[in-house]
Amino acid sequence: MLFVEYPKCSTCRKAKQWLKDNGIDFTDRDITVQNPTGQELRQWQARSGLPLRKFFNTSGQLYKSLHLKEKLSAMSEEEQIALLASDGMMVKRPIVVAGGTVLVGFRPAEWEQALK
């Protein structure tokens, strides 16, 4: 299992602790050191069943400063993936990749159902 996080993010720290508390082994990846590639993002989005917009960190400063709330719907999927792949802070986290399961964001009930 791959756990993609921003170590300074309180939600990521809670999610990481949840994994540890539940005895789930994972490989940790700092999103600021190793940003997801376009190929990874395409695969994760397909496996997650989520719309691509759910992969954007809508509460992040970068998202807000680029006014993406207004611009995202006019962008092609390829443009959105390129934007996500350009900066780890653009990507919503944490992300868990476990086989065919991809979880974006931390919702304990959803994680409980998917990972246990």
Protein backbone atom coordinates (compact mmCIF):
# COMPACT_ATOMS: atom_id res chain seq x y z
CA MET A 1 0.00 0.00 0.00
CA LEU A 2 1.20 3.47 -0.91
CA PHE A 3 0.39 6.38 1.40
CA VAL A 4 0.92 9.76 -0.27
CA GLU A 5 1.02 12.63 2.18
CA TYR A 6 2.18 16.13 3.00
CA PRO A 7 3.90 15.60 6.39
CA LYS A 8 2.88 19.03 7.74
CA CYS A 9 -0.81 18.38 7.01
CA SER A 10 -2.82 17.60 10.16
CA THR A 11 -5.29 15.46 8.21
CA CYS A 12 -2.42 13.43 6.77
CA ARG A 13 -0.99 12.91 10.26
CA LYS A 14 -4.40 11.70 11.49
CA ALA A 15 -4.71 9.33 8.52
CA LYS A 16 -1.20 7.97 9.07
CA GLN A 17 -1.98 7.35 12.73
CA TRP A 18 -5.22 5.60 11.72
CA LEU A 19 -3.24 3.25 9.47
CA LYS A 20 -0.78 2.50 12.27
CA ASP A 21 -3.55 2.02 14.86
CA ASN A 22 -5.23 -0.47 12.53
CA GLY A 23 -2.03 -2.40 11.87
CA ILE A 24 -1.97 -1.57 8.17
CA ASP A 25 1.48 -1.63 6.56
CA PHE A 26 2.24 1.10 4.06
CA THR A 27 4.99 2.82 2.15
CA ASP A 28 5.12 6.53 2.90
CA ARG A 29 5.65 9.13 0.17
CA ASP A 30 6.06 12.86 0.73
CA ILE A 31 4.11 14.63 -2.02
CA THR A 32 6.47 17.63 -1.93
CA VAL A 33 9.50 15.44 -2.58
CA GLN A 34 7.96 13.05 -5.09
CA ASN A 35 4.93 14.55 -6.80
CA PRO A 36 2.54 12.13 -8.53
CA THR A 37 3.23 11.86 -12.25
CA GLY A 38 0.60 12.40 -14.92
CA GLN A 39 0.57 8.65 -15.57
CA GLU A 40 0.06 7.86 -11.88
CA LEU A 41 -2.73 10.42 -11.62
CA ARG A 42 -4.51 8.95 -14.67
CA GLN A 43 -4.28 5.43 -13.19
CA TRP A 44 -5.38 6.54 -9.73
CA GLN A 45 -8.30 8.51 -11.08
CA ALA A 46 -9.48 5.55 -13.15
CA ARG A 47 -9.19 3.16 -10.18
CA SER A 48 -10.86 5.55 -7.75
CA GLY A 49 -13.94 6.11 -9.90
CA LEU A 50 -13.82 9.76 -8.83
CA PRO A 51 -14.00 12.75 -11.14
CA LEU A 52 -10.60 14.33 -11.70
CA ARG A 53 -11.66 17.49 -9.88
CA LYS A 54 -11.70 15.47 -6.61
CA PHE A 55 -7.90 15.19 -6.89
CA PHE A 56 -7.46 18.96 -6.54
CA ASN A 57 -6.60 20.46 -3.16
CA THR A 58 -9.36 23.06 -3.29
CA SER A 59 -8.42 24.51 0.10
CA GLY A 60 -4.80 25.08 -0.91
CA GLN A 61 -3.27 28.50 -1.49
CA LEU A 62 -2.04 27.56 -4.96
CA TYR A 63 -5.52 26.45 -6.08
CA LYS A 64 -6.99 29.70 -4.80
CA SER A 65 -4.27 31.98 -6.18
CA LEU A 66 -4.72 30.49 -9.67
CA HIS A 67 -8.52 30.97 -9.42
CA LEU A 68 -9.05 27.36 -10.41
CA LYS A 69 -12.58 27.29 -9.01
CA GLU A 70 -13.58 29.38 -12.02
CA LYS A 71 -11.12 27.93 -14.56
CA LEU A 72 -11.17 24.17 -13.93
CA SER A 73 -14.41 23.39 -15.77
CA ALA A 74 -13.06 24.99 -18.95
CA MET A 75 -9.83 22.96 -18.85
CA SER A 76 -9.40 19.66 -20.68
CA GLU A 77 -8.64 16.52 -18.69
CA GLU A 78 -5.06 16.55 -20.03
CA GLU A 79 -4.60 20.16 -18.88
CA GLN A 80 -5.93 19.26 -15.44
CA ILE A 81 -3.60 16.26 -15.13
CA ALA A 82 -0.61 18.35 -16.25
CA LEU A 83 -1.51 20.96 -13.64
CA LEU A 84 -1.82 18.34 -10.88
CA ALA A 85 1.48 16.74 -11.90
CA SER A 86 3.24 20.13 -11.86
CA ASP A 87 3.09 20.68 -8.08
CA GLY A 88 2.35 18.31 -5.20
CA MET A 89 0.63 21.07 -3.26
CA MET A 90 -2.04 21.13 -5.96
CA VAL A 91 -3.05 17.53 -5.15
CA LYS A 92 -5.57 16.64 -2.46
CA ARG A 93 -4.12 14.38 0.17
CA PRO A 94 -3.70 11.98 1.71
CA ILE A 95 -3.98 9.44 -1.07
CA VAL A 96 -3.96 5.70 -0.42
CA VAL A 97 -3.24 3.32 -3.29
CA ALA A 98 -3.85 -0.32 -2.41
CA GLY A 99 -4.29 -2.70 -5.33
CA GLY A 100 -7.44 -1.64 -7.17
CA THR A 101 -8.44 0.78 -4.40
CA VAL A 102 -7.57 4.48 -4.42
CA LEU A 103 -8.80 6.73 -1.62
CA VAL A 104 -8.44 10.51 -1.81
CA GLY A 105 -8.74 12.50 1.40
CA PHE A 106 -9.28 11.00 4.83
CA ARG A 107 -12.74 9.84 5.78
CA PRO A 108 -12.36 7.19 8.52
CA ALA A 109 -15.62 5.35 7.73
CA GLU A 110 -14.67 5.06 4.05
CA TRP A 111 -11.17 3.88 4.93
CA GLU A 112 -12.58 1.36 7.41
CA GLN A 113 -14.80 -0.16 4.73
CA ALA A 114 -12.15 -0.17 1.99
CA LEU A 115 -9.03 -1.21 3.92
CA LYS A 116 -10.18 -3.68 6.59
